[in-house]
Amino acid sequence: MKEHKFFIGDLIMDQEILNPLQQVIVDGLIQKGILVLVSSEVTTSQIINLQNKYGLGLGETECMAICINKGFVICTDDLKARKSSKKEFGEENVIGSMSLLREGVRKLFLQCDEAIDMYHTMIIKGGFLPKKLNEDYFCQ
């Protein structure tokens, strides 16, 4: 999706990458230019204020703060973070992985059955996604 840029904040890199495999994957995505490491440039008070307001974890809170400060769209599948982000900076600025899969099908670089398989894999791997989604969601 060349029209999109995907960012990861430096706080996340320092505190939320929990195992060596995650580090290798994220580093590889950064090296390929698929993911851009961005200095979060958020203040401690901004993080604390957002955490107090919404009760989110550090990762979700940093993402929200970066998006607010830089005018980015947030991509998260965390339901609480999605609801909080919509309140904070508008529904049109919040997407999730299912929207990205649907866009991939519409832009013709994913087949419908590939998107459905990816969706099911995310659920099997523990993703908090709707379990009874009509598969036409990806294929219309």
C-alpha atoms as a PDB file:
ATOM      1  CA  MET A   1       0.000   0.000   0.000  1.00  0.00           C
ATOM      2  CA  LYS A   2       2.301   2.659  -1.274  1.00  0.00           C
ATOM      3  CA  GLU A   3      -0.183   5.444  -0.533  1.00  0.00           C
ATOM      4  CA  HIS A   4       0.160   4.613   3.174  1.00  0.00           C
ATOM      5  CA  LYS A   5       3.106   5.042   5.484  1.00  0.00           C
ATOM      6  CA  PHE A   6       3.218   3.009   8.670  1.00  0.00           C
ATOM      7  CA  PHE A   7       4.998   4.375  11.725  1.00  0.00           C
ATOM      8  CA  ILE A   8       6.117   2.977  15.043  1.00  0.00           C
ATOM      9  CA  GLY A   9       7.036   5.208  17.953  1.00  0.00           C
ATOM     10  CA  ASP A  10      10.372   4.966  19.683  1.00  0.00           C
ATOM     11  CA  LEU A  11       8.760   4.391  23.096  1.00  0.00           C
ATOM     12  CA  ILE A  12       7.101   1.271  21.687  1.00  0.00           C
ATOM     13  CA  MET A  13      10.421   0.057  20.341  1.00  0.00           C
ATOM     14  CA  ASP A  14      12.044   0.550  23.730  1.00  0.00           C
ATOM     15  CA  GLN A  15       9.291  -0.812  25.957  1.00  0.00           C
ATOM     16  CA  GLU A  16       6.783  -2.930  24.058  1.00  0.00           C
ATOM     17  CA  ILE A  17       8.856  -5.155  21.774  1.00  0.00           C
ATOM     18  CA  LEU A  18       8.849  -8.124  24.101  1.00  0.00           C
ATOM     19  CA  ASN A  19      10.925 -10.805  22.439  1.00  0.00           C
ATOM     20  CA  PRO A  20      13.782 -11.233  19.957  1.00  0.00           C
ATOM     21  CA  LEU A  21      11.494 -12.477  17.170  1.00  0.00           C
ATOM     22  CA  GLN A  22       9.363  -9.329  17.371  1.00  0.00           C
ATOM     23  CA  GLN A  23      12.549  -7.251  17.267  1.00  0.00           C
ATOM     24  CA  VAL A  24      13.813  -9.066  14.148  1.00  0.00           C
ATOM     25  CA  ILE A  25      10.459  -8.644  12.376  1.00  0.00           C
ATOM     26  CA  VAL A  26      10.150  -4.943  13.235  1.00  0.00           C
ATOM     27  CA  ASP A  27      13.802  -4.273  12.326  1.00  0.00           C
ATOM     28  CA  GLY A  28      13.278  -6.021   8.982  1.00  0.00           C
ATOM     29  CA  LEU A  29      10.188  -3.945   8.225  1.00  0.00           C
ATOM     30  CA  ILE A  30      12.104  -0.763   9.093  1.00  0.00           C
ATOM     31  CA  GLN A  31      15.053  -1.773   6.880  1.00  0.00           C
ATOM     32  CA  LYS A  32      12.692  -2.455   3.961  1.00  0.00           C
ATOM     33  CA  GLY A  33      11.054   0.946   4.442  1.00  0.00           C
ATOM     34  CA  ILE A  34       7.660  -0.613   5.165  1.00  0.00           C
ATOM     35  CA  LEU A  35       7.675   0.731   8.714  1.00  0.00           C
ATOM     36  CA  VAL A  36       9.179   4.058   9.771  1.00  0.00           C
ATOM     37  CA  LEU A  37      10.595   4.564  13.256  1.00  0.00           C
ATOM     38  CA  VAL A  38       9.438   7.959  14.456  1.00  0.00           C
ATOM     39  CA  SER A  39      10.546   9.935  17.449  1.00  0.00           C
ATOM     40  CA  SER A  40       7.397  10.125  19.501  1.00  0.00           C
ATOM     41  CA  GLU A  41       8.033  13.741  20.487  1.00  0.00           C
ATOM     42  CA  VAL A  42       5.284  13.530  23.069  1.00  0.00           C
ATOM     43  CA  THR A  43       5.499  14.941  26.529  1.00  0.00           C
ATOM     44  CA  THR A  44       5.184  12.958  29.703  1.00  0.00           C
ATOM     45  CA  SER A  45       2.240  15.120  30.694  1.00  0.00           C
ATOM     46  CA  GLN A  46       0.488  14.347  27.404  1.00  0.00           C
ATOM     47  CA  ILE A  47       0.939  10.597  28.002  1.00  0.00           C
ATOM     48  CA  ILE A  48      -0.255  10.874  31.607  1.00  0.00           C
ATOM     49  CA  ASN A  49      -3.259  13.001  30.629  1.00  0.00           C
ATOM     50  CA  LEU A  50      -4.327  10.547  27.912  1.00  0.00           C
ATOM     51  CA  GLN A  51      -3.768   7.546  30.188  1.00  0.00           C
ATOM     52  CA  ASN A  52      -5.821   9.152  32.952  1.00  0.00           C
ATOM     53  CA  LYS A  53      -8.562  10.099  30.503  1.00  0.00           C
ATOM     54  CA  TYR A  54      -8.835   6.728  28.724  1.00  0.00           C
ATOM     55  CA  GLY A  55      -7.066   4.114  30.883  1.00  0.00           C
ATOM     56  CA  LEU A  56      -5.011   2.712  28.015  1.00  0.00           C
ATOM     57  CA  GLY A  57      -1.622   1.042  28.112  1.00  0.00           C
ATOM     58  CA  LEU A  58       1.592   2.822  27.189  1.00  0.00           C
ATOM     59  CA  GLY A  59       1.628   1.554  23.596  1.00  0.00           C
ATOM     60  CA  GLU A  60      -1.895   2.634  22.742  1.00  0.00           C
ATOM     61  CA  THR A  61      -1.429   5.937  24.549  1.00  0.00           C
ATOM     62  CA  GLU A  62       1.813   6.718  22.732  1.00  0.00           C
ATOM     63  CA  CYS A  63       0.175   5.917  19.402  1.00  0.00           C
ATOM     64  CA  MET A  64      -2.703   8.248  20.169  1.00  0.00           C
ATOM     65  CA  ALA A  65      -0.371  11.040  21.253  1.00  0.00           C
ATOM     66  CA  ILE A  66       1.808  10.707  18.143  1.00  0.00           C
ATOM     67  CA  CYS A  67      -1.248  10.716  15.878  1.00  0.00           C
ATOM     68  CA  ILE A  68      -2.661  13.774  17.621  1.00  0.00           C
ATOM     69  CA  ASN A  69       0.639  15.650  17.397  1.00  0.00           C
ATOM     70  CA  LYS A  70       1.459  14.719  13.813  1.00  0.00           C
ATOM     71  CA  GLY A  71      -2.034  14.526  12.322  1.00  0.00           C
ATOM     72  CA  PHE A  72      -1.704  10.808  11.553  1.00  0.00           C
ATOM     73  CA  VAL A  73      -4.453   8.224  11.246  1.00  0.00           C
ATOM     74  CA  ILE A  74      -4.236   5.543  13.936  1.00  0.00           C
ATOM     75  CA  CYS A  75      -4.416   1.860  13.034  1.00  0.00           C
ATOM     76  CA  THR A  76      -5.334  -0.299  16.007  1.00  0.00           C
ATOM     77  CA  ASP A  77      -7.434  -3.366  16.699  1.00  0.00           C
ATOM     78  CA  ASP A  78      -7.640  -2.645  20.424  1.00  0.00           C
ATOM     79  CA  LEU A  79     -11.337  -1.856  20.933  1.00  0.00           C
ATOM     80  CA  LYS A  80     -10.797   0.502  23.856  1.00  0.00           C
ATOM     81  CA  ALA A  81      -8.065   2.369  21.956  1.00  0.00           C
ATOM     82  CA  ARG A  82     -10.305   2.621  18.879  1.00  0.00           C
ATOM     83  CA  LYS A  83     -13.183   4.095  20.899  1.00  0.00           C
ATOM     84  CA  SER A  84     -10.857   6.479  22.727  1.00  0.00           C
ATOM     85  CA  SER A  85      -9.158   7.561  19.503  1.00  0.00           C
ATOM     86  CA  LYS A  86     -12.496   8.235  17.819  1.00  0.00           C
ATOM     87  CA  LYS A  87     -13.463  10.484  20.734  1.00  0.00           C
ATOM     88  CA  GLU A  88     -10.099  12.221  20.727  1.00  0.00           C
ATOM     89  CA  PHE A  89      -9.585  12.899  17.019  1.00  0.00           C
ATOM     90  CA  GLY A  90     -12.503  11.611  14.985  1.00  0.00           C
ATOM     91  CA  GLU A  91     -13.837   8.383  13.538  1.00  0.00           C
ATOM     92  CA  GLU A  92     -12.379   9.159  10.107  1.00  0.00           C
ATOM     93  CA  ASN A  93      -8.881   9.005  11.630  1.00  0.00           C
ATOM     94  CA  VAL A  94      -9.204   5.485  13.086  1.00  0.00           C
ATOM     95  CA  ILE A  95      -8.763   2.248  11.140  1.00  0.00           C
ATOM     96  CA  GLY A  96      -7.904  -1.356  11.938  1.00  0.00           C
ATOM     97  CA  SER A  97      -6.284  -4.329  10.272  1.00  0.00           C
ATOM     98  CA  MET A  98      -9.578  -5.525   8.787  1.00  0.00           C
ATOM     99  CA  SER A  99      -9.928  -2.226   6.928  1.00  0.00           C
ATOM    100  CA  LEU A 100      -6.403  -2.673   5.604  1.00  0.00           C
ATOM    101  CA  LEU A 101      -7.224  -6.197   4.391  1.00  0.00           C
ATOM    102  CA  ARG A 102     -10.376  -4.940   2.687  1.00  0.00           C
ATOM    103  CA  GLU A 103      -8.417  -2.132   1.050  1.00  0.00           C
ATOM    104  CA  GLY A 104      -5.827  -4.651  -0.143  1.00  0.00           C
ATOM    105  CA  VAL A 105      -8.564  -6.637  -1.900  1.00  0.00           C
ATOM    106  CA  ARG A 106     -10.060  -3.501  -3.431  1.00  0.00           C
ATOM    107  CA  LYS A 107      -6.655  -2.374  -4.700  1.00  0.00           C
ATOM    108  CA  LEU A 108      -6.155  -5.851  -6.216  1.00  0.00           C
ATOM    109  CA  PHE A 109      -2.934  -6.839  -4.481  1.00  0.00           C
ATOM    110  CA  LEU A 110      -4.724  -9.345  -2.245  1.00  0.00           C
ATOM    111  CA  GLN A 111      -7.184 -11.956  -3.370  1.00  0.00           C
ATOM    112  CA  CYS A 112     -10.418 -12.180  -1.401  1.00  0.00           C
ATOM    113  CA  ASP A 113      -9.590 -15.667  -0.111  1.00  0.00           C
ATOM    114  CA  GLU A 114      -6.147 -14.438   1.027  1.00  0.00           C
ATOM    115  CA  ALA A 115      -7.762 -11.656   3.084  1.00  0.00           C
ATOM    116  CA  ILE A 116     -10.187 -14.139   4.626  1.00  0.00           C
ATOM    117  CA  ASP A 117      -7.313 -16.513   5.463  1.00  0.00           C
ATOM    118  CA  MET A 118      -5.335 -13.640   7.047  1.00  0.00           C
ATOM    119  CA  TYR A 119      -8.380 -12.624   9.082  1.00  0.00           C
ATOM    120  CA  HIS A 120      -8.841 -16.191  10.382  1.00  0.00           C
ATOM    121  CA  THR A 121      -5.110 -16.477  11.134  1.00  0.00           C
ATOM    122  CA  MET A 122      -5.203 -13.271  13.183  1.00  0.00           C
ATOM    123  CA  ILE A 123      -8.081 -14.677  15.231  1.00  0.00           C
ATOM    124  CA  ILE A 124      -6.302 -18.018  15.737  1.00  0.00           C
ATOM    125  CA  LYS A 125      -3.167 -16.150  16.858  1.00  0.00           C
ATOM    126  CA  GLY A 126      -5.165 -14.253  19.487  1.00  0.00           C
ATOM    127  CA  GLY A 127      -6.269 -11.131  17.638  1.00  0.00           C
ATOM    128  CA  PHE A 128      -9.248  -9.405  19.184  1.00  0.00           C
ATOM    129  CA  LEU A 129     -11.359  -9.202  16.052  1.00  0.00           C
ATOM    130  CA  PRO A 130     -15.048  -9.887  15.478  1.00  0.00           C
ATOM    131  CA  LYS A 131     -15.394 -13.657  15.273  1.00  0.00           C
ATOM    132  CA  LYS A 132     -18.590 -13.766  13.215  1.00  0.00           C
ATOM    133  CA  LEU A 133     -17.720 -11.245  10.526  1.00  0.00           C
ATOM    134  CA  ASN A 134     -19.495 -11.775   7.233  1.00  0.00           C
ATOM    135  CA  GLU A 135     -16.680 -12.689   4.860  1.00  0.00           C
ATOM    136  CA  ASP A 136     -18.291 -10.483   2.192  1.00  0.00           C
ATOM    137  CA  TYR A 137     -16.830  -7.610   4.214  1.00  0.00           C
ATOM    138  CA  PHE A 138     -13.518  -8.194   2.435  1.00  0.00           C
ATOM    139  CA  CYS A 139     -14.848  -9.189  -0.968  1.00  0.00           C
ATOM    140  CA  GLN A 140     -17.426  -6.601  -2.013  1.00  0.00           C
END
